[in-house]
Amino acid sequence: MKIATWNVNSVKARLETVTAWLKDFGPDVVCLQEIKCTDDTFPRAAFEDLGYNCAVHGQKTYNGVAILSTRPLEDVTPRLPGGDGDEHARYLEAVVTGDKGVIRVVSIYAPNGNPIGTEKFEYKLKWLERLRDRAAELLTFEEPAALMGDFNVIPESDDCHDPAAWMNDALFQPESRAALRRVENLGWQDAFRACNVQPNKYTFWDYQAGAWQKDHGIRIDLVLLSPQALDRLKTCAIEKRVRGWDKPSDHVPVWCEIEV
């Protein structure tokens, strides 16, 4: 089964690009982030015409996550637990049954957190702690699972073209990186790093200052696998080519193949 994650930066604005990639690559499951639309305005028909079932947790203008699957979606659960009064649409999980069992997939759009030293940064850290709590709970299910999405954290210096340029950004703060490590230290494995040791492989290039043309990117879109999913991992890769298409998102898909 091929599963993927992609921050599309407005699903309606990128609809032609997204559907073109789905037709070309044919993933079985795709977690989308930053769809920037409500549930009722999500372009469901365009994906259903390609054979995908849709689960959506949207929000007007901002945020929003979705899961597309060629197989039925079960146990669909929106919203990250623990955030009383938090109305941001940043979390959606569902179970997909494959030929050899099930996999639980989670679409994640973590807070950006900028500027540091503000309530936005505090919200980011608290949200990541809530994610850690849920990630710990998911491991008790002892099933293949994948936390997939835009984590808005640069894990290591090798994951950005110029660490010095990000020293004052919320994505590269020690507190942000430590919060991500606390999730991984529970037993979740970065699928890309399990398959690729090469540095300077990116998933995001800003629209400004010729970042794409200069390959000045960062890696913030991740697939974290439970031990049961890691045992079935065959490969993981970044679809860098998509950034060069017409009307691209500033992010590209990350995908992995898992025997499930």
Foldseek 3Di string as FASTA:
>chain_A
DKEKEEAFQACVLCVVLVLVCCVVPVGFKYKYKFNQDQPVPPPQVSLVVVQWDKDWHHDHRGIIMMMIGNADWAPKDWDQPDDVPDNHGAKIWTWGADPVGIEIEMEGDQQLQPQPPDVSVVRRLVVLVSVLVVLLVVVVVVAKYKYWYQSNAQQDPLQFPDVVVCDRGSNDDPSSNVSVVSSVVSAWDFQQVVADDHGLDAFFADPPDCRLVVSGHGHRTTIIIHPNQSVFWDHKDWPSVSCPDPSGDRGTMIMTDGDD
